[in-house]
Amino acid sequence: MTILTESLWGRRITAGVLTWLIPFLVAIPFYSKDGSLLIDTSLFKSLMIVVSSLVAAVLIVWFFRTVKAGYTHEAVVTGITWLVLNWILDLIVLVGILGMALPDYVAQIGLRYLMIPAIVIAAGVVADEAVRSGAGR
């Protein structure tokens, strides 16, 4: 995995895929073989939001450890990249392979991914402001 994480873009893409893959893998045990949920839908959605947020938080820290300047800029690029990667992977798997209707996907899942750039960009802004104010010295 070293090759994928040596460059900033490699880390960005790796983390973006992991923001999708880890919650997807966590979700699998909650579905029966016929594709129906084994737990309450609201509980499942809440669990997925928590898992996704925790994964994103860890990956934001991991990604930004190699960023030395321009945190807001890097956060905007990263947030948009992660958003697009998650949408693409969902469209391939959930809509393409599993046959979820596109309008259902957008309403039930797709719009929730807008939290990704919001959280990543907020982290970048905070980092830039901390550097400007001299925090952490």
Protein backbone atom coordinates (compact mmCIF):
# COMPACT_ATOMS: atom_id res chain seq x y z
CA MET A 1 0.00 0.00 0.00
CA THR A 2 3.05 2.26 0.20
CA ILE A 3 2.85 3.21 -3.49
CA LEU A 4 -0.78 4.29 -3.06
CA THR A 5 0.05 6.47 -0.08
CA GLU A 6 3.35 8.10 -1.06
CA SER A 7 1.87 11.02 -2.98
CA LEU A 8 -0.84 13.38 -1.82
CA TRP A 9 -3.11 12.23 -4.67
CA GLY A 10 -2.42 8.60 -3.81
CA ARG A 11 -3.41 9.23 -0.19
CA ARG A 12 -6.45 11.25 -1.32
CA ILE A 13 -7.72 8.48 -3.62
CA THR A 14 -6.93 5.69 -1.13
CA ALA A 15 -8.75 7.49 1.67
CA GLY A 16 -11.66 8.34 -0.64
CA VAL A 17 -12.14 4.69 -1.56
CA LEU A 18 -11.89 3.69 2.11
CA THR A 19 -14.59 6.24 3.05
CA TRP A 20 -16.88 4.19 0.84
CA LEU A 21 -15.52 0.66 1.33
CA ILE A 22 -15.42 0.47 5.13
CA PRO A 23 -19.06 1.52 5.71
CA PHE A 24 -20.11 -0.76 2.83
CA LEU A 25 -18.40 -3.73 4.48
CA VAL A 26 -19.86 -2.82 7.89
CA ALA A 27 -23.36 -2.76 6.31
CA ILE A 28 -23.18 -6.26 4.82
CA PRO A 29 -23.96 -8.23 8.02
CA PHE A 30 -27.14 -6.19 8.47
CA TYR A 31 -28.67 -7.64 5.29
CA SER A 32 -30.16 -11.08 4.74
CA LYS A 33 -29.33 -13.20 1.69
CA ASP A 34 -32.50 -11.98 -0.02
CA GLY A 35 -31.37 -8.35 0.42
CA SER A 36 -33.75 -7.31 3.19
CA LEU A 37 -32.56 -5.44 6.26
CA LEU A 38 -32.30 -7.49 9.45
CA ILE A 39 -32.73 -4.45 11.73
CA ASP A 40 -34.95 -1.38 11.80
CA THR A 41 -34.28 0.94 8.84
CA SER A 42 -33.88 4.05 11.01
CA LEU A 43 -31.41 2.26 13.29
CA PHE A 44 -29.45 1.05 10.28
CA LYS A 45 -29.26 4.53 8.76
CA SER A 46 -28.17 5.99 12.10
CA LEU A 47 -25.46 3.34 12.45
CA MET A 48 -24.22 4.03 8.94
CA ILE A 49 -24.02 7.77 9.57
CA VAL A 50 -22.02 7.15 12.76
CA VAL A 51 -19.70 4.62 11.10
CA SER A 52 -19.19 6.87 8.07
CA SER A 53 -18.45 9.89 10.25
CA LEU A 54 -15.91 7.99 12.34
CA VAL A 55 -14.20 6.59 9.26
CA ALA A 56 -14.09 10.04 7.66
CA ALA A 57 -12.67 11.60 10.84
CA VAL A 58 -9.85 9.05 11.05
CA LEU A 59 -9.07 9.38 7.34
CA ILE A 60 -9.07 13.20 7.51
CA VAL A 61 -6.43 13.03 10.25
CA TRP A 62 -4.43 10.43 8.29
CA PHE A 63 -4.62 12.42 5.05
CA PHE A 64 -3.73 15.81 6.53
CA ARG A 65 -0.66 14.51 8.37
CA THR A 66 1.24 14.85 5.09
CA VAL A 67 -0.19 18.24 4.08
CA LYS A 68 2.23 21.02 4.99
CA ALA A 69 0.41 24.14 3.74
CA GLY A 70 -2.71 25.29 1.93
CA TYR A 71 -5.01 23.22 4.11
CA THR A 72 -8.23 24.84 2.89
CA HIS A 73 -7.30 24.32 -0.75
CA GLU A 74 -6.31 20.70 -0.12
CA ALA A 75 -9.53 20.17 1.85
CA VAL A 76 -11.70 21.50 -0.99
CA VAL A 77 -9.97 19.24 -3.51
CA THR A 78 -10.12 16.28 -1.11
CA GLY A 79 -13.75 16.81 -0.10
CA ILE A 80 -14.90 17.03 -3.70
CA THR A 81 -12.75 14.03 -4.70
CA TRP A 82 -14.14 11.88 -1.87
CA LEU A 83 -17.69 12.97 -2.72
CA VAL A 84 -17.31 12.05 -6.39
CA LEU A 85 -15.60 8.73 -5.58
CA ASN A 86 -18.41 7.77 -3.18
CA TRP A 87 -21.06 8.67 -5.74
CA ILE A 88 -19.30 6.72 -8.50
CA LEU A 89 -18.82 3.63 -6.34
CA ASP A 90 -22.44 3.77 -5.18
CA LEU A 91 -23.71 4.17 -8.73
CA ILE A 92 -21.67 1.14 -9.82
CA VAL A 93 -22.63 -1.09 -6.89
CA LEU A 94 -25.99 0.07 -5.55
CA VAL A 95 -27.62 1.32 -8.73
CA GLY A 96 -25.76 -0.72 -11.35
CA ILE A 97 -25.20 -4.11 -9.71
CA LEU A 98 -27.88 -4.21 -7.01
CA GLY A 99 -30.50 -2.42 -9.12
CA MET A 100 -31.54 0.40 -6.78
CA ALA A 101 -33.61 3.00 -8.62
CA LEU A 102 -31.64 6.21 -9.19
CA PRO A 103 -34.30 8.54 -7.66
CA ASP A 104 -34.43 6.30 -4.56
CA TYR A 105 -30.63 6.32 -4.33
CA VAL A 106 -30.45 10.11 -4.54
CA ALA A 107 -33.16 10.64 -1.92
CA GLN A 108 -32.10 7.91 0.50
CA ILE A 109 -28.31 7.92 0.22
CA GLY A 110 -26.76 10.22 -2.38
CA LEU A 111 -27.61 13.53 -0.76
CA ARG A 112 -26.12 12.40 2.55
CA TYR A 113 -22.69 12.30 0.96
CA LEU A 114 -22.71 16.10 0.84
CA MET A 115 -21.56 15.90 4.46
CA ILE A 116 -18.17 14.67 3.21
CA PRO A 117 -16.93 17.92 1.65
CA ALA A 118 -18.54 19.91 4.47
CA ILE A 119 -16.57 18.05 7.13
CA VAL A 120 -13.30 17.88 5.17
CA ILE A 121 -13.42 21.57 4.21
CA ALA A 122 -14.19 22.57 7.80
CA ALA A 123 -11.11 20.64 8.93
CA GLY A 124 -8.97 22.42 6.33
CA VAL A 125 -10.26 25.85 7.34
CA VAL A 126 -9.58 25.10 11.01
CA ALA A 127 -6.04 23.94 10.17
CA ASP A 128 -5.32 27.08 8.12
CA GLU A 129 -6.69 29.32 10.88
CA ALA A 130 -4.62 27.50 13.50
CA VAL A 131 -1.46 28.01 11.44
CA ARG A 132 -2.26 31.71 10.88
CA SER A 133 -2.93 32.33 14.54
CA GLY A 134 0.17 30.47 15.63
CA ALA A 135 -1.80 27.87 17.57
CA GLY A 136 0.08 24.78 18.51
CA ARG A 137 3.33 26.57 19.31
